[in-house]
Structure formats: structure tokens, C-alpha cells
């Protein structure tokens, strides 16, 4: 599985996240209105950090399955399972639920 995040500009603007699974045809394409800072996959859940928020999607359908506030200092995310996300902030790691 490969995730690719594309944006017209390097520092801001809308992004398109595309998932590939071993062939040239994308499985899922998701558009974010903000620049994507971090991505994480767990099972069939794809989460992205953009605009101070974590949004989670089904990686097979592209449908939204949850979200949570990440705070202004979040730099990266990691899914612990399909409903729990760890947020790497400037000075701490926090845990949050995708609801």
C-alpha cells in the first residue's frame, strides 16, 4: 500500500490523497481543503492531519468515518486502531478518539 499526497503549492492549499495497492489504478482518492501534514493507515482506516483536525476515512470507499480536533501544535499522527489516534505535538504525545 502506498499513499501519495499531492498539492499545487508546497506550503498551503488543497491536497489530494491517493492510495495505491499494488497496481497503477488508485483504490481511493480523498480531497482535503487544507494542506496535509501527516497520514496514517490502520486496517481499512486512512487518517489525515490537516488544518488542525484529524479526519478519518474508509480506505476502500473514501467515506468519512470520524474526526477529532488535533490542536494547533500537532505535527504528526499515528493510528493505534481504527478509532484511536495518537497526536504528536510540539512537546507531548496525546491520544484521542475518532468520533
PDB file of N, CA and C in Angstrom:
ATOM      1  N   UNK A   1       0.838  -1.185   0.000  1.00  0.00           N
ATOM      2  CA  UNK A   1       0.000   0.000   0.000  1.00  0.00           C
ATOM      3  C   UNK A   1       0.876   1.238   0.000  1.00  0.00           C
ATOM      4  N   UNK A   2       0.526   2.167  -0.846  1.00  0.00           N
ATOM      5  CA  UNK A   2       1.264   3.415  -0.958  1.00  0.00           C
ATOM      6  C   UNK A   2       0.270   4.565  -0.911  1.00  0.00           C
ATOM      7  N   UNK A   3       0.599   5.589  -0.109  1.00  0.00           N
ATOM      8  CA  UNK A   3      -0.198   6.810  -0.059  1.00  0.00           C
ATOM      9  C   UNK A   3       0.593   7.929  -0.694  1.00  0.00           C
ATOM     10  N   UNK A   4      -0.079   8.727  -1.499  1.00  0.00           N
ATOM     11  CA  UNK A   4       0.552   9.847  -2.174  1.00  0.00           C
ATOM     12  C   UNK A   4      -0.304  11.080  -1.928  1.00  0.00           C
ATOM     13  N   UNK A   5       0.299  12.136  -1.394  1.00  0.00           N
ATOM     14  CA  UNK A   5      -0.392  13.399  -1.150  1.00  0.00           C
ATOM     15  C   UNK A   5       0.143  14.432  -2.114  1.00  0.00           C
ATOM     16  N   UNK A   6      -0.744  15.008  -2.926  1.00  0.00           N
ATOM     17  CA  UNK A   6      -0.345  15.976  -3.942  1.00  0.00           C
ATOM     18  C   UNK A   6      -1.011  17.314  -3.691  1.00  0.00           C
ATOM     19  N   UNK A   7      -0.252  18.388  -3.886  1.00  0.00           N
ATOM     20  CA  UNK A   7      -0.763  19.738  -3.710  1.00  0.00           C
ATOM     21  C   UNK A   7      -0.170  20.634  -4.786  1.00  0.00           C
ATOM     22  N   UNK A   8      -0.930  21.643  -5.176  1.00  0.00           N
ATOM     23  CA  UNK A   8      -0.427  22.595  -6.171  1.00  0.00           C
ATOM     24  C   UNK A   8       0.682  23.473  -5.614  1.00  0.00           C
ATOM     25  N   UNK A   9       0.655  23.696  -4.287  1.00  0.00           N
ATOM     26  CA  UNK A   9       1.635  24.557  -3.636  1.00  0.00           C
ATOM     27  C   UNK A   9       2.283  23.805  -2.490  1.00  0.00           C
ATOM     28  N   UNK A  10       3.542  24.100  -2.205  1.00  0.00           N
ATOM     29  CA  UNK A  10       4.288  23.348  -1.191  1.00  0.00           C
ATOM     30  C   UNK A  10       3.926  23.727   0.237  1.00  0.00           C
ATOM     31  N   UNK A  11       3.386  24.899   0.488  1.00  0.00           N
ATOM     32  CA  UNK A  11       3.150  25.332   1.866  1.00  0.00           C
ATOM     33  C   UNK A  11       1.682  25.466   2.254  1.00  0.00           C
ATOM     34  N   UNK A  12       0.778  25.498   1.317  1.00  0.00           N
ATOM     35  CA  UNK A  12      -0.633  25.623   1.689  1.00  0.00           C
ATOM     36  C   UNK A  12      -1.524  25.227   0.535  1.00  0.00           C
ATOM     37  N   UNK A  13      -2.801  25.153   0.825  1.00  0.00           N
ATOM     38  CA  UNK A  13      -3.772  24.859  -0.217  1.00  0.00           C
ATOM     39  C   UNK A  13      -4.306  23.457  -0.153  1.00  0.00           C
ATOM     40  N   UNK A  14      -5.255  23.204  -1.012  1.00  0.00           N
ATOM     41  CA  UNK A  14      -5.925  21.912  -1.059  1.00  0.00           C
ATOM     42  C   UNK A  14      -4.960  20.800  -1.467  1.00  0.00           C
ATOM     43  N   UNK A  15      -5.209  19.597  -0.934  1.00  0.00           N
ATOM     44  CA  UNK A  15      -4.400  18.419  -1.251  1.00  0.00           C
ATOM     45  C   UNK A  15      -5.307  17.287  -1.707  1.00  0.00           C
ATOM     46  N   UNK A  16      -4.755  16.442  -2.522  1.00  0.00           N
ATOM     47  CA  UNK A  16      -5.427  15.210  -2.913  1.00  0.00           C
ATOM     48  C   UNK A  16      -4.579  14.054  -2.409  1.00  0.00           C
ATOM     49  N   UNK A  17      -5.201  13.152  -1.656  1.00  0.00           N
ATOM     50  CA  UNK A  17      -4.521  11.966  -1.135  1.00  0.00           C
ATOM     51  C   UNK A  17      -5.027  10.767  -1.919  1.00  0.00           C
ATOM     52  N   UNK A  18      -4.090   9.998  -2.477  1.00  0.00           N
ATOM     53  CA  UNK A  18      -4.438   8.846  -3.296  1.00  0.00           C
ATOM     54  C   UNK A  18      -3.758   7.609  -2.729  1.00  0.00           C
ATOM     55  N   UNK A  19      -4.520   6.517  -2.655  1.00  0.00           N
ATOM     56  CA  UNK A  19      -3.971   5.238  -2.167  1.00  0.00           C
ATOM     57  C   UNK A  19      -3.882   4.248  -3.317  1.00  0.00           C
ATOM     58  N   UNK A  20      -2.718   3.595  -3.403  1.00  0.00           N
ATOM     59  CA  UNK A  20      -2.490   2.549  -4.394  1.00  0.00           C
ATOM     60  C   UNK A  20      -2.219   1.238  -3.666  1.00  0.00           C
ATOM     61  N   UNK A  21      -2.698   0.139  -4.247  1.00  0.00           N
ATOM     62  CA  UNK A  21      -2.474  -1.188  -3.654  1.00  0.00           C
ATOM     63  C   UNK A  21      -1.925  -2.162  -4.701  1.00  0.00           C
ATOM     64  N   UNK A  22      -0.704  -1.926  -5.117  1.00  0.00           N
ATOM     65  CA  UNK A  22      -0.034  -2.892  -5.978  1.00  0.00           C
ATOM     66  C   UNK A  22      -0.355  -2.811  -7.456  1.00  0.00           C
ATOM     67  N   UNK A  23      -1.166  -1.861  -7.882  1.00  0.00           N
ATOM     68  CA  UNK A  23      -1.384  -1.672  -9.313  1.00  0.00           C
ATOM     69  C   UNK A  23      -1.515  -0.178  -9.602  1.00  0.00           C
ATOM     70  N   UNK A  24      -1.423   0.216 -10.874  1.00  0.00           N
ATOM     71  CA  UNK A  24      -1.410   1.646 -11.189  1.00  0.00           C
ATOM     72  C   UNK A  24      -2.743   2.364 -11.013  1.00  0.00           C
ATOM     73  N   UNK A  25      -3.830   1.635 -10.836  1.00  0.00           N
ATOM     74  CA  UNK A  25      -5.139   2.269 -10.651  1.00  0.00           C
ATOM     75  C   UNK A  25      -5.360   2.571  -9.169  1.00  0.00           C
ATOM     76  N   UNK A  26      -5.662   3.837  -8.810  1.00  0.00           N
ATOM     77  CA  UNK A  26      -5.864   4.174  -7.401  1.00  0.00           C
ATOM     78  C   UNK A  26      -7.097   3.482  -6.813  1.00  0.00           C
ATOM     79  N   UNK A  27      -6.977   3.084  -5.553  1.00  0.00           N
ATOM     80  CA  UNK A  27      -8.095   2.475  -4.834  1.00  0.00           C
ATOM     81  C   UNK A  27      -8.999   3.562  -4.277  1.00  0.00           C
ATOM     82  N   UNK A  28      -8.399   4.589  -3.690  1.00  0.00           N
ATOM     83  CA  UNK A  28      -9.135   5.664  -3.043  1.00  0.00           C
ATOM     84  C   UNK A  28      -8.477   7.000  -3.363  1.00  0.00           C
ATOM     85  N   UNK A  29      -9.296   8.015  -3.561  1.00  0.00           N
ATOM     86  CA  UNK A  29      -8.812   9.381  -3.710  1.00  0.00           C
ATOM     87  C   UNK A  29      -9.655  10.275  -2.816  1.00  0.00           C
ATOM     88  N   UNK A  30      -8.981  11.023  -1.935  1.00  0.00           N
ATOM     89  CA  UNK A  30      -9.652  11.907  -0.979  1.00  0.00           C
ATOM     90  C   UNK A  30      -9.088  13.307  -1.171  1.00  0.00           C
ATOM     91  N   UNK A  31      -9.959  14.313  -1.169  1.00  0.00           N
ATOM     92  CA  UNK A  31      -9.533  15.698  -1.309  1.00  0.00           C
ATOM     93  C   UNK A  31      -9.693  16.416   0.019  1.00  0.00           C
ATOM     94  N   UNK A  32      -8.655  17.132   0.429  1.00  0.00           N
ATOM     95  CA  UNK A  32      -8.664  17.935   1.651  1.00  0.00           C
ATOM     96  C   UNK A  32      -8.566  19.401   1.265  1.00  0.00           C
ATOM     97  N   UNK A  33      -9.336  20.247   1.941  1.00  0.00           N
ATOM     98  CA  UNK A  33      -9.296  21.681   1.636  1.00  0.00           C
ATOM     99  C   UNK A  33      -8.059  22.359   2.219  1.00  0.00           C
ATOM    100  N   UNK A  34      -7.352  21.683   3.119  1.00  0.00           N
ATOM    101  CA  UNK A  34      -6.137  22.218   3.741  1.00  0.00           C
ATOM    102  C   UNK A  34      -4.944  21.341   3.386  1.00  0.00           C
ATOM    103  N   UNK A  35      -3.767  21.879   3.580  1.00  0.00           N
ATOM    104  CA  UNK A  35      -2.532  21.142   3.350  1.00  0.00           C
ATOM    105  C   UNK A  35      -2.428  19.973   4.340  1.00  0.00           C
ATOM    106  N   UNK A  36      -2.095  18.791   3.849  1.00  0.00           N
ATOM    107  CA  UNK A  36      -1.981  17.595   4.683  1.00  0.00           C
ATOM    108  C   UNK A  36      -0.587  17.540   5.296  1.00  0.00           C
ATOM    109  N   UNK A  37      -0.531  17.477   6.642  1.00  0.00           N
ATOM    110  CA  UNK A  37       0.751  17.415   7.353  1.00  0.00           C
ATOM    111  C   UNK A  37       1.207  15.984   7.599  1.00  0.00           C
ATOM    112  N   UNK A  38       0.241  15.069   7.807  1.00  0.00           N
ATOM    113  CA  UNK A  38       0.596  13.705   8.176  1.00  0.00           C
ATOM    114  C   UNK A  38      -0.520  12.751   7.765  1.00  0.00           C
ATOM    115  N   UNK A  39      -0.141  11.504   7.467  1.00  0.00           N
ATOM    116  CA  UNK A  39      -1.083  10.444   7.095  1.00  0.00           C
ATOM    117  C   UNK A  39      -0.802   9.211   7.924  1.00  0.00           C
ATOM    118  N   UNK A  40      -1.851   8.414   8.177  1.00  0.00           N
ATOM    119  CA  UNK A  40      -1.662   7.146   8.864  1.00  0.00           C
ATOM    120  C   UNK A  40      -2.708   6.154   8.373  1.00  0.00           C
ATOM    121  N   UNK A  41      -2.310   4.891   8.254  1.00  0.00           N
ATOM    122  CA  UNK A  41      -3.208   3.800   7.865  1.00  0.00           C
ATOM    123  C   UNK A  41      -3.252   2.758   8.969  1.00  0.00           C
ATOM    124  N   UNK A  42      -4.455   2.221   9.216  1.00  0.00           N
ATOM    125  CA  UNK A  42      -4.604   1.075  10.112  1.00  0.00           C
ATOM    126  C   UNK A  42      -5.782   0.268   9.583  1.00  0.00           C
ATOM    127  N   UNK A  43      -5.518  -0.950   9.161  1.00  0.00           N
ATOM    128  CA  UNK A  43      -6.588  -1.764   8.583  1.00  0.00           C
ATOM    129  C   UNK A  43      -7.187  -1.053   7.375  1.00  0.00           C
ATOM    130  N   UNK A  44      -8.485  -0.822   7.421  1.00  0.00           N
ATOM    131  CA  UNK A  44      -9.173  -0.126   6.336  1.00  0.00           C
ATOM    132  C   UNK A  44      -9.437   1.341   6.657  1.00  0.00           C
ATOM    133  N   UNK A  45      -8.756   1.888   7.671  1.00  0.00           N
ATOM    134  CA  UNK A  45      -8.933   3.286   8.048  1.00  0.00           C
ATOM    135  C   UNK A  45      -7.728   4.104   7.624  1.00  0.00           C
ATOM    136  N   UNK A  46      -7.999   5.199   6.933  1.00  0.00           N
ATOM    137  CA  UNK A  46      -6.995   6.149   6.485  1.00  0.00           C
ATOM    138  C   UNK A  46      -7.273   7.461   7.203  1.00  0.00           C
ATOM    139  N   UNK A  47      -6.288   7.973   7.940  1.00  0.00           N
ATOM    140  CA  UNK A  47      -6.458   9.235   8.673  1.00  0.00           C
ATOM    141  C   UNK A  47      -5.473  10.262   8.143  1.00  0.00           C
ATOM    142  N   UNK A  48      -5.922  11.516   8.106  1.00  0.00           N
ATOM    143  CA  UNK A  48      -5.037  12.587   7.684  1.00  0.00           C
ATOM    144  C   UNK A  48      -5.145  13.776   8.623  1.00  0.00           C
ATOM    145  N   UNK A  49      -4.009  14.408   8.868  1.00  0.00           N
ATOM    146  CA  UNK A  49      -3.921  15.604   9.697  1.00  0.00           C
ATOM    147  C   UNK A  49      -3.847  16.808   8.772  1.00  0.00           C
ATOM    148  N   UNK A  50      -4.856  17.667   8.862  1.00  0.00           N
ATOM    149  CA  UNK A  50      -4.904  18.860   8.016  1.00  0.00           C
ATOM    150  C   UNK A  50      -5.723  19.930   8.720  1.00  0.00           C
ATOM    151  N   UNK A  51      -5.229  21.141   8.725  1.00  0.00           N
ATOM    152  CA  UNK A  51      -5.982  22.251   9.292  1.00  0.00           C
ATOM    153  C   UNK A  51      -6.287  22.122  10.768  1.00  0.00           C
ATOM    154  N   UNK A  52      -5.383  21.498  11.551  1.00  0.00           N
ATOM    155  CA  UNK A  52      -5.597  21.347  12.990  1.00  0.00           C
ATOM    156  C   UNK A  52      -6.634  20.313  13.355  1.00  0.00           C
ATOM    157  N   UNK A  53      -6.979  19.437  12.413  1.00  0.00           N
ATOM    158  CA  UNK A  53      -8.001  18.426  12.641  1.00  0.00           C
ATOM    159  C   UNK A  53      -7.557  17.098  12.034  1.00  0.00           C
ATOM    160  N   UNK A  54      -7.973  15.993  12.646  1.00  0.00           N
ATOM    161  CA  UNK A  54      -7.733  14.673  12.085  1.00  0.00           C
ATOM    162  C   UNK A  54      -9.046  14.192  11.482  1.00  0.00           C
ATOM    163  N   UNK A  55      -9.013  13.831  10.223  1.00  0.00           N
ATOM    164  CA  UNK A  55     -10.182  13.270   9.542  1.00  0.00           C
ATOM    165  C   UNK A  55      -9.862  11.838   9.151  1.00  0.00           C
ATOM    166  N   UNK A  56     -10.797  10.923   9.432  1.00  0.00           N
ATOM    167  CA  UNK A  56     -10.596   9.513   9.117  1.00  0.00           C
ATOM    168  C   UNK A  56     -11.592   9.087   8.046  1.00  0.00           C
ATOM    169  N   UNK A  57     -11.110   8.228   7.154  1.00  0.00           N
ATOM    170  CA  UNK A  57     -11.914   7.765   6.028  1.00  0.00           C
ATOM    171  C   UNK A  57     -11.771   6.260   5.883  1.00  0.00           C
ATOM    172  N   UNK A  58     -12.766   5.633   5.283  1.00  0.00           N
ATOM    173  CA  UNK A  58     -12.648   4.234   4.889  1.00  0.00           C
ATOM    174  C   UNK A  58     -11.736   4.203   3.670  1.00  0.00           C
ATOM    175  N   UNK A  59     -10.659   3.440   3.736  1.00  0.00           N
ATOM    176  CA  UNK A  59      -9.724   3.435   2.613  1.00  0.00           C
ATOM    177  C   UNK A  59     -10.273   2.657   1.419  1.00  0.00           C
ATOM    178  N   UNK A  60     -11.321   1.881   1.606  1.00  0.00           N
ATOM    179  CA  UNK A  60     -11.890   1.159   0.474  1.00  0.00           C
ATOM    180  C   UNK A  60     -12.980   1.953  -0.235  1.00  0.00           C
ATOM    181  N   UNK A  61     -13.707   2.825   0.500  1.00  0.00           N
ATOM    182  CA  UNK A  61     -14.805   3.580  -0.114  1.00  0.00           C
ATOM    183  C   UNK A  61     -14.549   5.079  -0.181  1.00  0.00           C
ATOM    184  N   UNK A  62     -13.652   5.605   0.651  1.00  0.00           N
ATOM    185  CA  UNK A  62     -13.397   7.041   0.706  1.00  0.00           C
ATOM    186  C   UNK A  62     -14.396   7.809   1.546  1.00  0.00           C
ATOM    187  N   UNK A  63     -15.333   7.114   2.187  1.00  0.00           N
ATOM    188  CA  UNK A  63     -16.339   7.772   3.027  1.00  0.00           C
ATOM    189  C   UNK A  63     -15.740   8.170   4.369  1.00  0.00           C
ATOM    190  N   UNK A  64     -16.164   9.336   4.885  1.00  0.00           N
ATOM    191  CA  UNK A  64     -15.707   9.798   6.196  1.00  0.00           C
ATOM    192  C   UNK A  64     -16.249   8.875   7.280  1.00  0.00           C
ATOM    193  N   UNK A  65     -15.371   8.495   8.235  1.00  0.00           N
ATOM    194  CA  UNK A  65     -15.784   7.622   9.329  1.00  0.00           C
ATOM    195  C   UNK A  65     -15.577   8.247  10.704  1.00  0.00           C
ATOM    196  N   UNK A  66     -14.942   9.418  10.759  1.00  0.00           N
ATOM    197  CA  UNK A  66     -14.744  10.078  12.045  1.00  0.00           C
ATOM    198  C   UNK A  66     -13.770  11.222  11.939  1.00  0.00           C
ATOM    199  N   UNK A  67     -13.714  12.013  13.015  1.00  0.00           N
ATOM    200  CA  UNK A  67     -12.781  13.130  13.066  1.00  0.00           C
ATOM    201  C   UNK A  67     -12.568  13.538  14.511  1.00  0.00           C
ATOM    202  N   UNK A  68     -11.539  14.331  14.748  1.00  0.00           N
ATOM    203  CA  UNK A  68     -11.291  14.894  16.067  1.00  0.00           C
ATOM    204  C   UNK A  68     -10.398  16.115  15.910  1.00  0.00           C
ATOM    205  N   UNK A  69     -10.411  16.975  16.920  1.00  0.00           N
ATOM    206  CA  UNK A  69      -9.559  18.158  16.924  1.00  0.00           C
ATOM    207  C   UNK A  69      -8.141  17.729  17.283  1.00  0.00           C
ATOM    208  N   UNK A  70      -7.161  18.224  16.536  1.00  0.00           N
ATOM    209  CA  UNK A  70      -5.772  17.856  16.780  1.00  0.00           C
ATOM    210  C   UNK A  70      -5.015  18.912  17.571  1.00  0.00           C
ATOM    211  N   UNK A  71      -5.548  20.118  17.640  1.00  0.00           N
ATOM    212  CA  UNK A  71      -4.830  21.202  18.300  1.00  0.00           C
ATOM    213  C   UNK A  71      -3.849  21.858  17.345  1.00  0.00           C
ATOM    214  N   UNK A  72      -3.460  23.059  17.654  1.00  0.00           N
ATOM    215  CA  UNK A  72      -2.598  23.826  16.776  1.00  0.00           C
ATOM    216  C   UNK A  72      -1.159  23.375  16.727  1.00  0.00           C
ATOM    217  N   UNK A  73      -0.721  22.571  17.720  1.00  0.00           N
ATOM    218  CA  UNK A  73       0.685  22.166  17.758  1.00  0.00           C
ATOM    219  C   UNK A  73       0.937  20.779  17.178  1.00  0.00           C
ATOM    220  N   UNK A  74      -0.074  20.105  16.665  1.00  0.00           N
ATOM    221  CA  UNK A  74       0.087  18.740  16.141  1.00  0.00           C
ATOM    222  C   UNK A  74       0.969  18.742  14.899  1.00  0.00           C
ATOM    223  N   UNK A  75       1.945  17.841  14.893  1.00  0.00           N
ATOM    224  CA  UNK A  75       2.892  17.738  13.776  1.00  0.00           C
ATOM    225  C   UNK A  75       2.754  16.425  13.002  1.00  0.00           C
ATOM    226  N   UNK A  76       2.274  15.372  13.678  1.00  0.00           N
ATOM    227  CA  UNK A  76       2.147  14.062  13.036  1.00  0.00           C
ATOM    228  C   UNK A  76       1.093  13.248  13.767  1.00  0.00           C
ATOM    229  N   UNK A  77       0.581  12.211  13.092  1.00  0.00           N
ATOM    230  CA  UNK A  77      -0.410  11.317  13.690  1.00  0.00           C
ATOM    231  C   UNK A  77      -0.011   9.870  13.456  1.00  0.00           C
ATOM    232  N   UNK A  78      -0.543   8.989  14.314  1.00  0.00           N
ATOM    233  CA  UNK A  78      -0.396   7.553  14.134  1.00  0.00           C
ATOM    234  C   UNK A  78      -1.667   6.902  14.655  1.00  0.00           C
ATOM    235  N   UNK A  79      -2.305   6.077  13.832  1.00  0.00           N
ATOM    236  CA  UNK A  79      -3.499   5.361  14.286  1.00  0.00           C
ATOM    237  C   UNK A  79      -3.079   4.199  15.173  1.00  0.00           C
ATOM    238  N   UNK A  80      -3.683   4.094  16.359  1.00  0.00           N
ATOM    239  CA  UNK A  80      -3.442   2.976  17.256  1.00  0.00           C
ATOM    240  C   UNK A  80      -4.347   1.807  16.921  1.00  0.00           C
ATOM    241  N   UNK A  81      -5.556   2.129  16.452  1.00  0.00           N
ATOM    242  CA  UNK A  81      -6.515   1.177  15.913  1.00  0.00           C
ATOM    243  C   UNK A  81      -7.456   1.983  15.023  1.00  0.00           C
ATOM    244  N   UNK A  82      -8.565   1.407  14.620  1.00  0.00           N
ATOM    245  CA  UNK A  82      -9.430   2.110  13.671  1.00  0.00           C
ATOM    246  C   UNK A  82     -10.229   3.246  14.304  1.00  0.00           C
ATOM    247  N   UNK A  83     -10.149   3.424  15.627  1.00  0.00           N
ATOM    248  CA  UNK A  83     -10.885   4.517  16.267  1.00  0.00           C
ATOM    249  C   UNK A  83     -10.040   5.349  17.230  1.00  0.00           C
ATOM    250  N   UNK A  84      -8.756   5.038  17.361  1.00  0.00           N
ATOM    251  CA  UNK A  84      -7.866   5.770  18.263  1.00  0.00           C
ATOM    252  C   UNK A  84      -6.697   6.340  17.475  1.00  0.00           C
ATOM    253  N   UNK A  85      -6.400   7.627  17.730  1.00  0.00           N
ATOM    254  CA  UNK A  85      -5.282   8.274  17.048  1.00  0.00           C
ATOM    255  C   UNK A  85      -4.348   8.875  18.088  1.00  0.00           C
ATOM    256  N   UNK A  86      -3.049   8.754  17.842  1.00  0.00           N
ATOM    257  CA  UNK A  86      -2.034   9.391  18.673  1.00  0.00           C
ATOM    258  C   UNK A  86      -1.555  10.636  17.935  1.00  0.00           C
ATOM    259  N   UNK A  87      -1.517  11.752  18.646  1.00  0.00           N
ATOM    260  CA  UNK A  87      -1.144  13.043  18.085  1.00  0.00           C
ATOM    261  C   UNK A  87       0.220  13.450  18.615  1.00  0.00           C
ATOM    262  N   UNK A  88       1.174  13.642  17.736  1.00  0.00           N
ATOM    263  CA  UNK A  88       2.499  14.098  18.130  1.00  0.00           C
ATOM    264  C   UNK A  88       2.497  15.616  18.096  1.00  0.00           C
ATOM    265  N   UNK A  89       2.518  16.233  19.284  1.00  0.00           N
ATOM    266  CA  UNK A  89       2.567  17.683  19.388  1.00  0.00           C
ATOM    267  C   UNK A  89       3.995  18.157  19.539  1.00  0.00           C
ATOM    268  N   UNK A  90       4.160  19.441  19.735  1.00  0.00           N
ATOM    269  CA  UNK A  90       5.492  20.021  19.884  1.00  0.00           C
ATOM    270  C   UNK A  90       6.190  19.482  21.122  1.00  0.00           C
ATOM    271  N   UNK A  91       5.452  19.320  22.224  1.00  0.00           N
ATOM    272  CA  UNK A  91       6.096  18.904  23.467  1.00  0.00           C
ATOM    273  C   UNK A  91       5.477  17.668  24.110  1.00  0.00           C
ATOM    274  N   UNK A  92       4.483  17.048  23.467  1.00  0.00           N
ATOM    275  CA  UNK A  92       3.836  15.877  24.066  1.00  0.00           C
ATOM    276  C   UNK A  92       3.156  15.023  23.006  1.00  0.00           C
ATOM    277  N   UNK A  93       2.851  13.779  23.391  1.00  0.00           N
ATOM    278  CA  UNK A  93       2.065  12.875  22.577  1.00  0.00           C
ATOM    279  C   UNK A  93       0.724  12.718  23.277  1.00  0.00           C
ATOM    280  N   UNK A  94      -0.361  12.953  22.543  1.00  0.00           N
ATOM    281  CA  UNK A  94      -1.709  12.844  23.096  1.00  0.00           C
ATOM    282  C   UNK A  94      -2.468  11.727  22.383  1.00  0.00           C
ATOM    283  N   UNK A  95      -3.472  11.197  23.061  1.00  0.00           N
ATOM    284  CA  UNK A  95      -4.343  10.192  22.493  1.00  0.00           C
ATOM    285  C   UNK A  95      -5.741  10.776  22.345  1.00  0.00           C
ATOM    286  N   UNK A  96      -6.411  10.464  21.252  1.00  0.00           N
ATOM    287  CA  UNK A  96      -7.760  10.957  21.033  1.00  0.00           C
ATOM    288  C   UNK A  96      -8.583   9.887  20.319  1.00  0.00           C
ATOM    289  N   UNK A  97      -9.890  10.018  20.428  1.00  0.00           N
ATOM    290  CA  UNK A  97     -10.818   9.085  19.767  1.00  0.00           C
ATOM    291  C   UNK A  97     -11.401   9.747  18.526  1.00  0.00           C
ATOM    292  N   UNK A  98     -11.542   8.957  17.488  1.00  0.00           N
ATOM    293  CA  UNK A  98     -12.183   9.432  16.262  1.00  0.00           C
ATOM    294  C   UNK A  98     -13.677   9.153  16.389  1.00  0.00           C
ATOM    295  N   UNK A  99     -14.461  10.206  16.504  1.00  0.00           N
ATOM    296  CA  UNK A  99     -15.900  10.016  16.700  1.00  0.00           C
ATOM    297  C   UNK A  99     -16.728  10.661  15.664  1.00  0.00           C
TER     298      UNK A  99
END
